[in-house]
Amino acid sequence: MNRVTLSIVCLLAPAAAAAQAPVSSPHDSLQGAVRTVDARKRTVEVTTGVGMSLWVVRLRVPTELRIRASGAGLPLTALQPGDIVRVSYGSRPAGYVAYTIERVGHLGTGPVRSP
């Protein structure tokens, strides 16, 4: 192998290895109170604190996503305004998409307890 060929292989090998690596979606997380649930549009708005501000984050919820609560899977319609949730989500061209939603409590009643 001559030096030019070796140089090209050395330059392209890292790019080829990166192309084969599994792609993981960058994501953010938040904890806050459910503001609205629109089951027809499959969206949830969550109010969360950021520094000294309150933000409302609108999330699209994929049809296959089940909300976790005390180890059980719940449909989107089980979420109610005032529920405290932890959400992992990512940004897409059409907006934010939820990857996981966990209901951890409700405003005024405290943590969710197992029945």
PDB file of N, CA and C in Angstrom:
ATOM      1  N   MET A   1       0.855  -1.168   0.000  1.00  0.00           N
ATOM      2  CA  MET A   1       0.000   0.000   0.000  1.00  0.00           C
ATOM      3  C   MET A   1       0.903   1.234   0.000  1.00  0.00           C
ATOM      4  N   ASN A   2       0.625   2.148  -0.886  1.00  0.00           N
ATOM      5  CA  ASN A   2       1.459   3.357  -0.909  1.00  0.00           C
ATOM      6  C   ASN A   2       0.939   4.380   0.090  1.00  0.00           C
ATOM      7  N   ARG A   3       1.700   5.433   0.268  1.00  0.00           N
ATOM      8  CA  ARG A   3       1.373   6.439   1.301  1.00  0.00           C
ATOM      9  C   ARG A   3       0.060   7.167   1.026  1.00  0.00           C
ATOM     10  N   VAL A   4      -0.242   7.430  -0.236  1.00  0.00           N
ATOM     11  CA  VAL A   4      -1.481   8.144  -0.563  1.00  0.00           C
ATOM     12  C   VAL A   4      -2.691   7.273  -0.205  1.00  0.00           C
ATOM     13  N   THR A   5      -2.623   5.993  -0.560  1.00  0.00           N
ATOM     14  CA  THR A   5      -3.725   5.092  -0.243  1.00  0.00           C
ATOM     15  C   THR A   5      -3.883   4.943   1.264  1.00  0.00           C
ATOM     16  N   LEU A   6      -2.762   4.804   1.961  1.00  0.00           N
ATOM     17  CA  LEU A   6      -2.801   4.688   3.412  1.00  0.00           C
ATOM     18  C   LEU A   6      -3.395   5.941   4.053  1.00  0.00           C
ATOM     19  N   SER A   7      -3.056   7.108   3.532  1.00  0.00           N
ATOM     20  CA  SER A   7      -3.601   8.366   4.064  1.00  0.00           C
ATOM     21  C   SER A   7      -5.114   8.438   3.871  1.00  0.00           C
ATOM     22  N   ILE A   8      -5.577   8.016   2.703  1.00  0.00           N
ATOM     23  CA  ILE A   8      -7.018   8.047   2.428  1.00  0.00           C
ATOM     24  C   ILE A   8      -7.754   7.093   3.347  1.00  0.00           C
ATOM     25  N   VAL A   9      -7.201   5.880   3.547  1.00  0.00           N
ATOM     26  CA  VAL A   9      -7.830   4.905   4.434  1.00  0.00           C
ATOM     27  C   VAL A   9      -7.886   5.444   5.856  1.00  0.00           C
ATOM     28  N   CYS A  10      -6.803   6.078   6.305  1.00  0.00           N
ATOM     29  CA  CYS A  10      -6.772   6.627   7.666  1.00  0.00           C
ATOM     30  C   CYS A  10      -7.781   7.760   7.841  1.00  0.00           C
ATOM     31  N   LEU A  11      -8.042   8.519   6.795  1.00  0.00           N
ATOM     32  CA  LEU A  11      -9.007   9.612   6.878  1.00  0.00           C
ATOM     33  C   LEU A  11     -10.455   9.104   6.839  1.00  0.00           C
ATOM     34  N   LEU A  12     -10.713   8.050   6.071  1.00  0.00           N
ATOM     35  CA  LEU A  12     -12.076   7.568   5.902  1.00  0.00           C
ATOM     36  C   LEU A  12     -12.504   6.554   6.958  1.00  0.00           C
ATOM     37  N   ALA A  13     -11.581   5.881   7.601  1.00  0.00           N
ATOM     38  CA  ALA A  13     -11.932   4.848   8.590  1.00  0.00           C
ATOM     39  C   ALA A  13     -12.771   5.394   9.745  1.00  0.00           C
ATOM     40  N   PRO A  14     -12.422   6.547  10.355  1.00  0.00           N
ATOM     41  CA  PRO A  14     -13.268   7.056  11.440  1.00  0.00           C
ATOM     42  C   PRO A  14     -14.695   7.396  10.980  1.00  0.00           C
ATOM     43  N   ALA A  15     -14.829   7.917   9.763  1.00  0.00           N
ATOM     44  CA  ALA A  15     -16.155   8.252   9.246  1.00  0.00           C
ATOM     45  C   ALA A  15     -16.981   6.993   9.035  1.00  0.00           C
ATOM     46  N   ALA A  16     -16.363   5.929   8.549  1.00  0.00           N
ATOM     47  CA  ALA A  16     -17.072   4.669   8.340  1.00  0.00           C
ATOM     48  C   ALA A  16     -17.497   4.064   9.674  1.00  0.00           C
ATOM     49  N   ALA A  17     -16.620   4.139  10.669  1.00  0.00           N
ATOM     50  CA  ALA A  17     -16.963   3.608  11.992  1.00  0.00           C
ATOM     51  C   ALA A  17     -18.110   4.398  12.611  1.00  0.00           C
ATOM     52  N   ALA A  18     -18.114   5.706  12.450  1.00  0.00           N
ATOM     53  CA  ALA A  18     -19.184   6.548  12.991  1.00  0.00           C
ATOM     54  C   ALA A  18     -20.512   6.255  12.303  1.00  0.00           C
ATOM     55  N   ALA A  19     -20.473   5.945  11.005  1.00  0.00           N
ATOM     56  CA  ALA A  19     -21.697   5.651  10.269  1.00  0.00           C
ATOM     57  C   ALA A  19     -22.330   4.355  10.748  1.00  0.00           C
ATOM     58  N   GLN A  20     -21.523   3.417  11.284  1.00  0.00           N
ATOM     59  CA  GLN A  20     -22.049   2.143  11.748  1.00  0.00           C
ATOM     60  C   GLN A  20     -22.505   2.199  13.204  1.00  0.00           C
ATOM     61  N   ALA A  21     -22.124   3.229  13.935  1.00  0.00           N
ATOM     62  CA  ALA A  21     -22.500   3.344  15.341  1.00  0.00           C
ATOM     63  C   ALA A  21     -24.008   3.548  15.460  1.00  0.00           C
ATOM     64  N   PRO A  22     -24.640   2.992  16.501  1.00  0.00           N
ATOM     65  CA  PRO A  22     -26.085   3.195  16.667  1.00  0.00           C
ATOM     66  C   PRO A  22     -26.400   4.668  16.882  1.00  0.00           C
ATOM     67  N   VAL A  23     -27.498   5.094  16.301  1.00  0.00           N
ATOM     68  CA  VAL A  23     -27.908   6.489  16.410  1.00  0.00           C
ATOM     69  C   VAL A  23     -28.801   6.638  17.632  1.00  0.00           C
ATOM     70  N   SER A  24     -28.434   7.520  18.539  1.00  0.00           N
ATOM     71  CA  SER A  24     -29.291   7.791  19.684  1.00  0.00           C
ATOM     72  C   SER A  24     -29.809   9.210  19.564  1.00  0.00           C
ATOM     73  N   SER A  25     -31.084   9.364  19.834  1.00  0.00           N
ATOM     74  CA  SER A  25     -31.690  10.682  19.715  1.00  0.00           C
ATOM     75  C   SER A  25     -31.294  11.542  20.898  1.00  0.00           C
ATOM     76  N   PRO A  26     -30.842  12.757  20.637  1.00  0.00           N
ATOM     77  CA  PRO A  26     -30.582  13.648  21.764  1.00  0.00           C
ATOM     78  C   PRO A  26     -31.905  13.950  22.451  1.00  0.00           C
ATOM     79  N   HIS A  27     -31.857  14.054  23.768  1.00  0.00           N
ATOM     80  CA  HIS A  27     -33.107  14.297  24.471  1.00  0.00           C
ATOM     81  C   HIS A  27     -32.896  15.208  25.672  1.00  0.00           C
ATOM     82  N   ASP A  28     -33.979  15.761  26.103  1.00  0.00           N
ATOM     83  CA  ASP A  28     -34.029  16.595  27.295  1.00  0.00           C
ATOM     84  C   ASP A  28     -35.033  15.955  28.233  1.00  0.00           C
ATOM     85  N   SER A  29     -35.062  16.444  29.457  1.00  0.00           N
ATOM     86  CA  SER A  29     -36.062  15.951  30.392  1.00  0.00           C
ATOM     87  C   SER A  29     -36.593  17.119  31.205  1.00  0.00           C
ATOM     88  N   LEU A  30     -37.779  16.924  31.731  1.00  0.00           N
ATOM     89  CA  LEU A  30     -38.388  17.950  32.573  1.00  0.00           C
ATOM     90  C   LEU A  30     -39.308  17.275  33.562  1.00  0.00           C
ATOM     91  N   GLN A  31     -39.635  18.008  34.601  1.00  0.00           N
ATOM     92  CA  GLN A  31     -40.655  17.587  35.553  1.00  0.00           C
ATOM     93  C   GLN A  31     -41.572  18.775  35.745  1.00  0.00           C
ATOM     94  N   GLY A  32     -42.865  18.521  35.712  1.00  0.00           N
ATOM     95  CA  GLY A  32     -43.806  19.619  35.861  1.00  0.00           C
ATOM     96  C   GLY A  32     -45.225  19.114  36.000  1.00  0.00           C
ATOM     97  N   ALA A  33     -46.162  20.044  35.918  1.00  0.00           N
ATOM     98  CA  ALA A  33     -47.589  19.742  36.071  1.00  0.00           C
ATOM     99  C   ALA A  33     -48.265  19.760  34.707  1.00  0.00           C
ATOM    100  N   VAL A  34     -49.114  18.767  34.469  1.00  0.00           N
ATOM    101  CA  VAL A  34     -49.878  18.714  33.224  1.00  0.00           C
ATOM    102  C   VAL A  34     -50.833  19.898  33.211  1.00  0.00           C
ATOM    103  N   ARG A  35     -50.801  20.643  32.134  1.00  0.00           N
ATOM    104  CA  ARG A  35     -51.689  21.794  31.966  1.00  0.00           C
ATOM    105  C   ARG A  35     -52.908  21.398  31.151  1.00  0.00           C
ATOM    106  N   THR A  36     -52.679  20.761  30.000  1.00  0.00           N
ATOM    107  CA  THR A  36     -53.768  20.288  29.146  1.00  0.00           C
ATOM    108  C   THR A  36     -53.396  18.950  28.529  1.00  0.00           C
ATOM    109  N   VAL A  37     -54.423  18.175  28.189  1.00  0.00           N
ATOM    110  CA  VAL A  37     -54.268  16.915  27.464  1.00  0.00           C
ATOM    111  C   VAL A  37     -55.267  16.952  26.314  1.00  0.00           C
ATOM    112  N   ASP A  38     -54.775  16.771  25.096  1.00  0.00           N
ATOM    113  CA  ASP A  38     -55.655  16.693  23.929  1.00  0.00           C
ATOM    114  C   ASP A  38     -55.457  15.309  23.311  1.00  0.00           C
ATOM    115  N   ALA A  39     -56.347  14.380  23.658  1.00  0.00           N
ATOM    116  CA  ALA A  39     -56.215  12.998  23.193  1.00  0.00           C
ATOM    117  C   ALA A  39     -56.409  12.893  21.682  1.00  0.00           C
ATOM    118  N   ARG A  40     -57.239  13.756  21.116  1.00  0.00           N
ATOM    119  CA  ARG A  40     -57.484  13.713  19.669  1.00  0.00           C
ATOM    120  C   ARG A  40     -56.241  14.106  18.885  1.00  0.00           C
ATOM    121  N   LYS A  41     -55.567  15.176  19.316  1.00  0.00           N
ATOM    122  CA  LYS A  41     -54.344  15.628  18.648  1.00  0.00           C
ATOM    123  C   LYS A  41     -53.102  14.930  19.180  1.00  0.00           C
ATOM    124  N   ARG A  42     -53.263  14.149  20.276  1.00  0.00           N
ATOM    125  CA  ARG A  42     -52.176  13.440  20.939  1.00  0.00           C
ATOM    126  C   ARG A  42     -51.082  14.413  21.385  1.00  0.00           C
ATOM    127  N   THR A  43     -51.505  15.449  22.115  1.00  0.00           N
ATOM    128  CA  THR A  43     -50.564  16.413  22.680  1.00  0.00           C
ATOM    129  C   THR A  43     -50.820  16.588  24.169  1.00  0.00           C
ATOM    130  N   VAL A  44     -49.757  16.971  24.859  1.00  0.00           N
ATOM    131  CA  VAL A  44     -49.811  17.283  26.288  1.00  0.00           C
ATOM    132  C   VAL A  44     -49.038  18.571  26.480  1.00  0.00           C
ATOM    133  N   GLU A  45     -49.578  19.479  27.284  1.00  0.00           N
ATOM    134  CA  GLU A  45     -48.838  20.672  27.676  1.00  0.00           C
ATOM    135  C   GLU A  45     -48.456  20.521  29.135  1.00  0.00           C
ATOM    136  N   VAL A  46     -47.168  20.747  29.423  1.00  0.00           N
ATOM    137  CA  VAL A  46     -46.645  20.615  30.780  1.00  0.00           C
ATOM    138  C   VAL A  46     -46.061  21.956  31.204  1.00  0.00           C
ATOM    139  N   THR A  47     -46.451  22.440  32.382  1.00  0.00           N
ATOM    140  CA  THR A  47     -45.889  23.657  32.956  1.00  0.00           C
ATOM    141  C   THR A  47     -44.721  23.251  33.843  1.00  0.00           C
ATOM    142  N   THR A  48     -43.571  23.866  33.596  1.00  0.00           N
ATOM    143  CA  THR A  48     -42.365  23.530  34.352  1.00  0.00           C
ATOM    144  C   THR A  48     -41.623  24.802  34.738  1.00  0.00           C
ATOM    145  N   GLY A  49     -40.836  24.714  35.782  1.00  0.00           N
ATOM    146  CA  GLY A  49     -40.045  25.856  36.223  1.00  0.00           C
ATOM    147  C   GLY A  49     -38.660  25.818  35.604  1.00  0.00           C
ATOM    148  N   VAL A  50     -38.223  26.949  35.074  1.00  0.00           N
ATOM    149  CA  VAL A  50     -36.880  27.084  34.517  1.00  0.00           C
ATOM    150  C   VAL A  50     -36.284  28.337  35.136  1.00  0.00           C
ATOM    151  N   GLY A  51     -35.343  28.143  36.061  1.00  0.00           N
ATOM    152  CA  GLY A  51     -34.796  29.295  36.774  1.00  0.00           C
ATOM    153  C   GLY A  51     -35.907  29.949  37.586  1.00  0.00           C
ATOM    154  N   MET A  52     -36.105  31.221  37.364  1.00  0.00           N
ATOM    155  CA  MET A  52     -37.157  31.959  38.065  1.00  0.00           C
ATOM    156  C   MET A  52     -38.387  32.143  37.180  1.00  0.00           C
ATOM    157  N   SER A  53     -38.511  31.331  36.116  1.00  0.00           N
ATOM    158  CA  SER A  53     -39.616  31.451  35.163  1.00  0.00           C
ATOM    159  C   SER A  53     -40.431  30.172  35.114  1.00  0.00           C
ATOM    160  N   LEU A  54     -41.644  30.290  34.626  1.00  0.00           N
ATOM    161  CA  LEU A  54     -42.469  29.130  34.315  1.00  0.00           C
ATOM    162  C   LEU A  54     -42.571  29.021  32.803  1.00  0.00           C
ATOM    163  N   TRP A  55     -42.400  27.813  32.285  1.00  0.00           N
ATOM    164  CA  TRP A  55     -42.510  27.560  30.850  1.00  0.00           C
ATOM    165  C   TRP A  55     -43.595  26.530  30.623  1.00  0.00           C
ATOM    166  N   VAL A  56     -44.298  26.663  29.510  1.00  0.00           N
ATOM    167  CA  VAL A  56     -45.248  25.649  29.072  1.00  0.00           C
ATOM    168  C   VAL A  56     -44.633  24.967  27.857  1.00  0.00           C
ATOM    169  N   VAL A  57     -44.472  23.641  27.958  1.00  0.00           N
ATOM    170  CA  VAL A  57     -43.874  22.856  26.880  1.00  0.00           C
ATOM    171  C   VAL A  57     -44.961  21.975  26.285  1.00  0.00           C
ATOM    172  N   ARG A  58     -45.197  22.117  24.984  1.00  0.00           N
ATOM    173  CA  ARG A  58     -46.182  21.271  24.286  1.00  0.00           C
ATOM    174  C   ARG A  58     -45.438  20.099  23.668  1.00  0.00           C
ATOM    175  N   LEU A  59     -45.929  18.894  23.960  1.00  0.00           N
ATOM    176  CA  LEU A  59     -45.294  17.666  23.500  1.00  0.00           C
ATOM    177  C   LEU A  59     -46.268  16.844  22.670  1.00  0.00           C
ATOM    178  N   ARG A  60     -45.797  16.328  21.554  1.00  0.00           N
ATOM    179  CA  ARG A  60     -46.582  15.347  20.806  1.00  0.00           C
ATOM    180  C   ARG A  60     -46.324  13.986  21.452  1.00  0.00           C
ATOM    181  N   VAL A  61     -47.352  13.168  21.573  1.00  0.00           N
ATOM    182  CA  VAL A  61     -47.250  11.865  22.210  1.00  0.00           C
ATOM    183  C   VAL A  61     -47.512  10.787  21.164  1.00  0.00           C
ATOM    184  N   PRO A  62     -46.504   9.962  20.828  1.00  0.00           N
ATOM    185  CA  PRO A  62     -46.714   8.898  19.842  1.00  0.00           C
ATOM    186  C   PRO A  62     -47.787   7.916  20.307  1.00  0.00           C
ATOM    187  N   THR A  63     -48.482   7.310  19.363  1.00  0.00           N
ATOM    188  CA  THR A  63     -49.583   6.397  19.701  1.00  0.00           C
ATOM    189  C   THR A  63     -49.113   5.191  20.497  1.00  0.00           C
ATOM    190  N   GLU A  64     -47.887   4.745  20.299  1.00  0.00           N
ATOM    191  CA  GLU A  64     -47.400   3.559  21.009  1.00  0.00           C
ATOM    192  C   GLU A  64     -46.906   3.851  22.425  1.00  0.00           C
ATOM    193  N   LEU A  65     -46.795   5.121  22.793  1.00  0.00           N
ATOM    194  CA  LEU A  65     -46.278   5.490  24.118  1.00  0.00           C
ATOM    195  C   LEU A  65     -47.340   5.257  25.196  1.00  0.00           C
ATOM    196  N   ARG A  66     -46.961   4.551  26.249  1.00  0.00           N
ATOM    197  CA  ARG A  66     -47.820   4.350  27.412  1.00  0.00           C
ATOM    198  C   ARG A  66     -47.239   5.137  28.572  1.00  0.00           C
ATOM    199  N   ILE A  67     -48.078   5.826  29.294  1.00  0.00           N
ATOM    200  CA  ILE A  67     -47.651   6.605  30.451  1.00  0.00           C
ATOM    201  C   ILE A  67     -47.417   5.632  31.596  1.00  0.00           C
ATOM    202  N   ARG A  68     -46.274   5.781  32.273  1.00  0.00           N
ATOM    203  CA  ARG A  68     -45.978   4.922  33.415  1.00  0.00           C
ATOM    204  C   ARG A  68     -46.493   5.575  34.688  1.00  0.00           C
ATOM    205  N   ALA A  69     -47.055   4.761  35.569  1.00  0.00           N
ATOM    206  CA  ALA A  69     -47.510   5.221  36.887  1.00  0.00           C
ATOM    207  C   ALA A  69     -47.529   4.021  37.810  1.00  0.00           C
ATOM    208  N   SER A  70     -46.702   4.044  38.838  1.00  0.00           N
ATOM    209  CA  SER A  70     -46.617   2.948  39.805  1.00  0.00           C
ATOM    210  C   SER A  70     -46.396   1.606  39.120  1.00  0.00           C
ATOM    211  N   GLY A  71     -45.566   1.600  38.076  1.00  0.00           N
ATOM    212  CA  GLY A  71     -45.227   0.364  37.389  1.00  0.00           C
ATOM    213  C   GLY A  71     -46.217  -0.083  36.333  1.00  0.00           C
ATOM    214  N   ALA A  72     -47.373   0.546  36.233  1.00  0.00           N
ATOM    215  CA  ALA A  72     -48.386   0.158  35.247  1.00  0.00           C
ATOM    216  C   ALA A  72     -48.339   1.087  34.042  1.00  0.00           C
ATOM    217  N   GLY A  73     -48.761   0.585  32.895  1.00  0.00           N
ATOM    218  CA  GLY A  73     -48.867   1.408  31.699  1.00  0.00           C
ATOM    219  C   GLY A  73     -50.271   1.982  31.582  1.00  0.00           C
ATOM    220  N   LEU A  74     -50.367   3.273  31.301  1.00  0.00           N
ATOM    221  CA  LEU A  74     -51.667   3.944  31.197  1.00  0.00           C
ATOM    222  C   LEU A  74     -51.820   4.555  29.813  1.00  0.00           C
ATOM    223  N   PRO A  75     -53.046   4.677  29.320  1.00  0.00           N
ATOM    224  CA  PRO A  75     -53.267   5.403  28.058  1.00  0.00           C
ATOM    225  C   PRO A  75     -53.156   6.908  28.291  1.00  0.00           C
ATOM    226  N   LEU A  76     -52.996   7.647  27.220  1.00  0.00           N
ATOM    227  CA  LEU A  76     -52.886   9.105  27.293  1.00  0.00           C
ATOM    228  C   LEU A  76     -54.098   9.722  27.986  1.00  0.00           C
ATOM    229  N   THR A  77     -55.276   9.153  27.779  1.00  0.00           N
ATOM    230  CA  THR A  77     -56.500   9.710  28.365  1.00  0.00           C
ATOM    231  C   THR A  77     -56.514   9.627  29.891  1.00  0.00           C
ATOM    232  N   ALA A  78     -55.615   8.833  30.487  1.00  0.00           N
ATOM    233  CA  ALA A  78     -55.545   8.733  31.949  1.00  0.00           C
ATOM    234  C   ALA A  78     -54.887   9.954  32.579  1.00  0.00           C
ATOM    235  N   LEU A  79     -54.110  10.717  31.792  1.00  0.00           N
ATOM    236  CA  LEU A  79     -53.496  11.943  32.329  1.00  0.00           C
ATOM    237  C   LEU A  79     -54.555  13.017  32.488  1.00  0.00           C
ATOM    238  N   GLN A  80     -54.465  13.751  33.590  1.00  0.00           N
ATOM    239  CA  GLN A  80     -55.407  14.821  33.883  1.00  0.00           C
ATOM    240  C   GLN A  80     -54.639  16.092  34.227  1.00  0.00           C
ATOM    241  N   PRO A  81     -55.225  17.273  33.985  1.00  0.00           N
ATOM    242  CA  PRO A  81     -54.580  18.504  34.428  1.00  0.00           C
ATOM    243  C   PRO A  81     -54.293  18.430  35.925  1.00  0.00           C
ATOM    244  N   GLY A  82     -53.092  18.850  36.309  1.00  0.00           N
ATOM    245  CA  GLY A  82     -52.670  18.795  37.698  1.00  0.00           C
ATOM    246  C   GLY A  82     -51.795  17.607  38.018  1.00  0.00           C
ATOM    247  N   ASP A  83     -51.740  16.602  37.134  1.00  0.00           N
ATOM    248  CA  ASP A  83     -50.840  15.473  37.353  1.00  0.00           C
ATOM    249  C   ASP A  83     -49.389  15.949  37.257  1.00  0.00           C
ATOM    250  N   ILE A  84     -48.543  15.472  38.160  1.00  0.00           N
ATOM    251  CA  ILE A  84     -47.121  15.775  38.124  1.00  0.00           C
ATOM    252  C   ILE A  84     -46.455  14.671  37.303  1.00  0.00           C
ATOM    253  N   VAL A  85     -45.663  15.060  36.302  1.00  0.00           N
ATOM    254  CA  VAL A  85     -45.049  14.091  35.403  1.00  0.00           C
ATOM    255  C   VAL A  85     -43.554  14.365  35.237  1.00  0.00           C
ATOM    256  N   ARG A  86     -42.827  13.299  34.949  1.00  0.00           N
ATOM    257  CA  ARG A  86     -41.439  13.378  34.481  1.00  0.00           C
ATOM    258  C   ARG A  86     -41.476  12.977  33.016  1.00  0.00           C
ATOM    259  N   VAL A  87     -40.841  13.778  32.172  1.00  0.00           N
ATOM    260  CA  VAL A  87     -40.900  13.537  30.733  1.00  0.00           C
ATOM    261  C   VAL A  87     -39.492  13.560  30.150  1.00  0.00           C
ATOM    262  N   SER A  88     -39.211  12.594  29.288  1.00  0.00           N
ATOM    263  CA  SER A  88     -38.015  12.604  28.464  1.00  0.00           C
ATOM    264  C   SER A  88     -38.504  12.890  27.052  1.00  0.00           C
ATOM    265  N   TYR A  89     -37.895  13.856  26.362  1.00  0.00           N
ATOM    266  CA  TYR A  89     -38.406  14.257  25.055  1.00  0.00           C
ATOM    267  C   TYR A  89     -37.279  14.726  24.153  1.00  0.00           C
ATOM    268  N   GLY A  90     -37.576  14.851  22.876  1.00  0.00           N
ATOM    269  CA  GLY A  90     -36.599  15.332  21.900  1.00  0.00           C
ATOM    270  C   GLY A  90     -37.244  16.311  20.947  1.00  0.00           C
ATOM    271  N   SER A  91     -36.412  17.036  20.249  1.00  0.00           N
ATOM    272  CA  SER A  91     -36.888  18.044  19.308  1.00  0.00           C
ATOM    273  C   SER A  91     -36.943  17.452  17.903  1.00  0.00           C
ATOM    274  N   ARG A  92     -38.014  17.706  17.221  1.00  0.00           N
ATOM    275  CA  ARG A  92     -38.206  17.302  15.829  1.00  0.00           C
ATOM    276  C   ARG A  92     -38.610  18.540  15.047  1.00  0.00           C
ATOM    277  N   PRO A  93     -38.549  18.485  13.712  1.00  0.00           N
ATOM    278  CA  PRO A  93     -38.954  19.663  12.929  1.00  0.00           C
ATOM    279  C   PRO A  93     -40.386  20.122  13.222  1.00  0.00           C
ATOM    280  N   ALA A  94     -41.270  19.192  13.570  1.00  0.00           N
ATOM    281  CA  ALA A  94     -42.664  19.560  13.837  1.00  0.00           C
ATOM    282  C   ALA A  94     -42.906  19.932  15.293  1.00  0.00           C
ATOM    283  N   GLY A  95     -41.880  19.895  16.134  1.00  0.00           N
ATOM    284  CA  GLY A  95     -42.037  20.241  17.547  1.00  0.00           C
ATOM    285  C   GLY A  95     -41.414  19.184  18.436  1.00  0.00           C
ATOM    286  N   TYR A  96     -41.725  19.259  19.728  1.00  0.00           N
ATOM    287  CA  TYR A  96     -41.175  18.308  20.688  1.00  0.00           C
ATOM    288  C   TYR A  96     -41.994  17.018  20.694  1.00  0.00           C
ATOM    289  N   VAL A  97     -41.292  15.888  20.853  1.00  0.00           N
ATOM    290  CA  VAL A  97     -41.925  14.572  20.903  1.00  0.00           C
ATOM    291  C   VAL A  97     -41.526  13.902  22.209  1.00  0.00           C
ATOM    292  N   ALA A  98     -42.497  13.369  22.940  1.00  0.00           N
ATOM    293  CA  ALA A  98     -42.235  12.669  24.195  1.00  0.00           C
ATOM    294  C   ALA A  98     -41.706  11.271  23.902  1.00  0.00           C
ATOM    295  N   TYR A  99     -40.638  10.880  24.624  1.00  0.00           N
ATOM    296  CA  TYR A  99     -40.109   9.515  24.548  1.00  0.00           C
ATOM    297  C   TYR A  99     -40.643   8.700  25.717  1.00  0.00           C
ATOM    298  N   THR A 100     -40.676   9.292  26.905  1.00  0.00           N
ATOM    299  CA  THR A 100     -41.246   8.626  28.075  1.00  0.00           C
ATOM    300  C   THR A 100     -42.017   9.658  28.886  1.00  0.00           C
ATOM    301  N   ILE A 101     -43.098   9.203  29.506  1.00  0.00           N
ATOM    302  CA  ILE A 101     -43.863  10.031  30.436  1.00  0.00           C
ATOM    303  C   ILE A 101     -44.144   9.169  31.654  1.00  0.00           C
ATOM    304  N   GLU A 102     -43.825   9.698  32.831  1.00  0.00           N
ATOM    305  CA  GLU A 102     -44.098   8.987  34.075  1.00  0.00           C
ATOM    306  C   GLU A 102     -44.919   9.889  34.982  1.00  0.00           C
ATOM    307  N   ARG A 103     -46.093   9.424  35.391  1.00  0.00           N
ATOM    308  CA  ARG A 103     -46.918  10.195  36.331  1.00  0.00           C
ATOM    309  C   ARG A 103     -46.421   9.874  37.738  1.00  0.00           C
ATOM    310  N   VAL A 104     -46.015  10.924  38.468  1.00  0.00           N
ATOM    311  CA  VAL A 104     -45.432  10.715  39.800  1.00  0.00           C
ATOM    312  C   VAL A 104     -46.280  11.299  40.920  1.00  0.00           C
ATOM    313  N   GLY A 105     -47.329  12.027  40.621  1.00  0.00           N
ATOM    314  CA  GLY A 105     -48.167  12.609  41.655  1.00  0.00           C
ATOM    315  C   GLY A 105     -49.262  13.471  41.056  1.00  0.00           C
ATOM    316  N   HIS A 106     -49.940  14.190  41.930  1.00  0.00           N
ATOM    317  CA  HIS A 106     -50.983  15.115  41.509  1.00  0.00           C
ATOM    318  C   HIS A 106     -50.919  16.328  42.430  1.00  0.00           C
ATOM    319  N   LEU A 107     -51.107  17.518  41.875  1.00  0.00           N
ATOM    320  CA  LEU A 107     -51.084  18.727  42.681  1.00  0.00           C
ATOM    321  C   LEU A 107     -52.115  18.620  43.803  1.00  0.00           C
ATOM    322  N   GLY A 108     -51.679  18.860  45.025  1.00  0.00           N
ATOM    323  CA  GLY A 108     -52.592  18.851  46.158  1.00  0.00           C
ATOM    324  C   GLY A 108     -52.752  17.501  46.832  1.00  0.00           C
ATOM    325  N   THR A 109     -52.421  16.409  46.143  1.00  0.00           N
ATOM    326  CA  THR A 109     -52.613  15.090  46.753  1.00  0.00           C
ATOM    327  C   THR A 109     -51.300  14.383  47.002  1.00  0.00           C
ATOM    328  N   GLY A 110     -50.208  14.888  46.471  1.00  0.00           N
ATOM    329  CA  GLY A 110     -48.911  14.255  46.700  1.00  0.00           C
ATOM    330  C   GLY A 110     -48.612  13.129  45.736  1.00  0.00           C
ATOM    331  N   PRO A 111     -47.691  12.239  46.143  1.00  0.00           N
ATOM    332  CA  PRO A 111     -47.253  11.162  45.238  1.00  0.00           C
ATOM    333  C   PRO A 111     -48.384  10.191  44.892  1.00  0.00           C
ATOM    334  N   VAL A 112     -48.260   9.586  43.705  1.00  0.00           N
ATOM    335  CA  VAL A 112     -49.202   8.553  43.298  1.00  0.00           C
ATOM    336  C   VAL A 112     -48.892   7.301  44.107  1.00  0.00           C
ATOM    337  N   ARG A 113     -49.921   6.712  44.676  1.00  0.00           N
ATOM    338  CA  ARG A 113     -49.738   5.489  45.463  1.00  0.00           C
ATOM    339  C   ARG A 113     -50.343   4.298  44.726  1.00  0.00           C
ATOM    340  N   SER A 114     -49.747   3.144  44.946  1.00  0.00           N
ATOM    341  CA  SER A 114     -50.270   1.913  44.331  1.00  0.00           C
ATOM    342  C   SER A 114     -51.596   1.553  44.985  1.00  0.00           C
ATOM    343  N   PRO A 115     -52.540   1.040  44.183  1.00  0.00           N
ATOM    344  CA  PRO A 115     -53.840   0.658  44.751  1.00  0.00           C
ATOM    345  C   PRO A 115     -53.726  -0.573  45.619  1.00  0.00           C
TER     346      PRO A 115
END
